Amino acid sequence: MYVIAIAWLYVTILMAATETTVVAGILTLVFYGLAPLALFLWLFGTPQRHRNKAKLPDAE
């Protein structure tokens, strides 16, 4: 899963670097790179979070 994340960031950083202005580059990085990647990692990390939560002992 992390290989996909690294590859996606690599592609979006290169896309942002080719934009004509700094603002366009930052917006490209945020809206094409970081936001979808955060959503992807959150969705695909949900099963692991559930397993971790089930493994924790009760604090009571």
C-alpha atoms as a PDB file:
ATOM      1  CA  MET A   1       0.000   0.000   0.000  1.00  0.00           C
ATOM      2  CA  TYR A   2       2.832   2.393   0.788  1.00  0.00           C
ATOM      3  CA  VAL A   3       4.424   1.781  -2.616  1.00  0.00           C
ATOM      4  CA  ILE A   4       1.254   3.116  -4.214  1.00  0.00           C
ATOM      5  CA  ALA A   5       1.314   6.154  -1.923  1.00  0.00           C
ATOM      6  CA  ILE A   6       4.960   6.917  -2.709  1.00  0.00           C
ATOM      7  CA  ALA A   7       4.385   6.527  -6.448  1.00  0.00           C
ATOM      8  CA  TRP A   8       1.313   8.766  -6.333  1.00  0.00           C
ATOM      9  CA  LEU A   9       3.231  11.468  -4.455  1.00  0.00           C
ATOM     10  CA  TYR A  10       6.095  11.212  -6.932  1.00  0.00           C
ATOM     11  CA  VAL A  11       3.769  11.738  -9.877  1.00  0.00           C
ATOM     12  CA  THR A  12       1.913  14.642  -8.275  1.00  0.00           C
ATOM     13  CA  ILE A  13       5.140  16.359  -7.200  1.00  0.00           C
ATOM     14  CA  LEU A  14       6.352  16.167 -10.792  1.00  0.00           C
ATOM     15  CA  MET A  15       2.986  17.508 -11.992  1.00  0.00           C
ATOM     16  CA  ALA A  16       3.201  20.375  -9.500  1.00  0.00           C
ATOM     17  CA  ALA A  17       6.754  21.178 -10.560  1.00  0.00           C
ATOM     18  CA  THR A  18       5.665  21.693 -14.166  1.00  0.00           C
ATOM     19  CA  GLU A  19       2.919  24.202 -13.345  1.00  0.00           C
ATOM     20  CA  THR A  20       3.437  27.758 -14.548  1.00  0.00           C
ATOM     21  CA  THR A  21       2.963  29.504 -11.193  1.00  0.00           C
ATOM     22  CA  VAL A  22       3.785  28.608  -7.609  1.00  0.00           C
ATOM     23  CA  VAL A  23       0.145  28.891  -6.575  1.00  0.00           C
ATOM     24  CA  ALA A  24      -0.935  26.485  -9.315  1.00  0.00           C
ATOM     25  CA  GLY A  25       1.800  24.074  -8.241  1.00  0.00           C
ATOM     26  CA  ILE A  26       0.714  24.155  -4.599  1.00  0.00           C
ATOM     27  CA  LEU A  27      -2.936  23.694  -5.519  1.00  0.00           C
ATOM     28  CA  THR A  28      -2.046  20.815  -7.834  1.00  0.00           C
ATOM     29  CA  LEU A  29      -0.058  19.144  -5.083  1.00  0.00           C
ATOM     30  CA  VAL A  30      -2.826  19.577  -2.516  1.00  0.00           C
ATOM     31  CA  PHE A  31      -5.869  18.723  -4.631  1.00  0.00           C
ATOM     32  CA  TYR A  32      -4.364  16.044  -6.901  1.00  0.00           C
ATOM     33  CA  GLY A  33      -1.842  14.637  -4.461  1.00  0.00           C
ATOM     34  CA  LEU A  34      -2.329  15.082  -0.752  1.00  0.00           C
ATOM     35  CA  ALA A  35      -6.129  15.121  -0.432  1.00  0.00           C
ATOM     36  CA  PRO A  36      -6.801  11.986  -2.525  1.00  0.00           C
ATOM     37  CA  LEU A  37      -3.843  10.225  -0.923  1.00  0.00           C
ATOM     38  CA  ALA A  38      -5.111  11.000   2.581  1.00  0.00           C
ATOM     39  CA  LEU A  39      -8.533   9.642   1.632  1.00  0.00           C
ATOM     40  CA  PHE A  40      -6.963   6.516   0.090  1.00  0.00           C
ATOM     41  CA  LEU A  41      -4.808   5.796   3.140  1.00  0.00           C
ATOM     42  CA  TRP A  42      -7.725   6.415   5.509  1.00  0.00           C
ATOM     43  CA  LEU A  43     -10.078   4.105   3.596  1.00  0.00           C
ATOM     44  CA  PHE A  44      -7.586   1.304   3.099  1.00  0.00           C
ATOM     45  CA  GLY A  45      -6.275   1.619   6.654  1.00  0.00           C
ATOM     46  CA  THR A  46      -9.710   1.123   8.217  1.00  0.00           C
ATOM     47  CA  PRO A  47      -9.496  -2.695   8.503  1.00  0.00           C
ATOM     48  CA  GLN A  48      -6.138  -2.434  10.265  1.00  0.00           C
ATOM     49  CA  ARG A  49      -7.496   0.187  12.678  1.00  0.00           C
ATOM     50  CA  HIS A  50     -10.395  -2.140  13.507  1.00  0.00           C
ATOM     51  CA  ARG A  51      -8.009  -5.037  14.143  1.00  0.00           C
ATOM     52  CA  ASN A  52      -5.817  -2.844  16.364  1.00  0.00           C
ATOM     53  CA  LYS A  53      -8.837  -1.641  18.316  1.00  0.00           C
ATOM     54  CA  ALA A  54     -10.085  -5.200  18.850  1.00  0.00           C
ATOM     55  CA  LYS A  55      -6.652  -6.314  20.077  1.00  0.00           C
ATOM     56  CA  LEU A  56      -6.375  -3.676  22.830  1.00  0.00           C
ATOM     57  CA  PRO A  57      -7.239  -4.889  26.354  1.00  0.00           C
ATOM     58  CA  ASP A  58      -9.971  -3.085  28.267  1.00  0.00           C
ATOM     59  CA  ALA A  59      -8.739  -0.316  30.547  1.00  0.00           C
ATOM     60  CA  GLU A  60     -11.352  -1.051  33.218  1.00  0.00           C
END
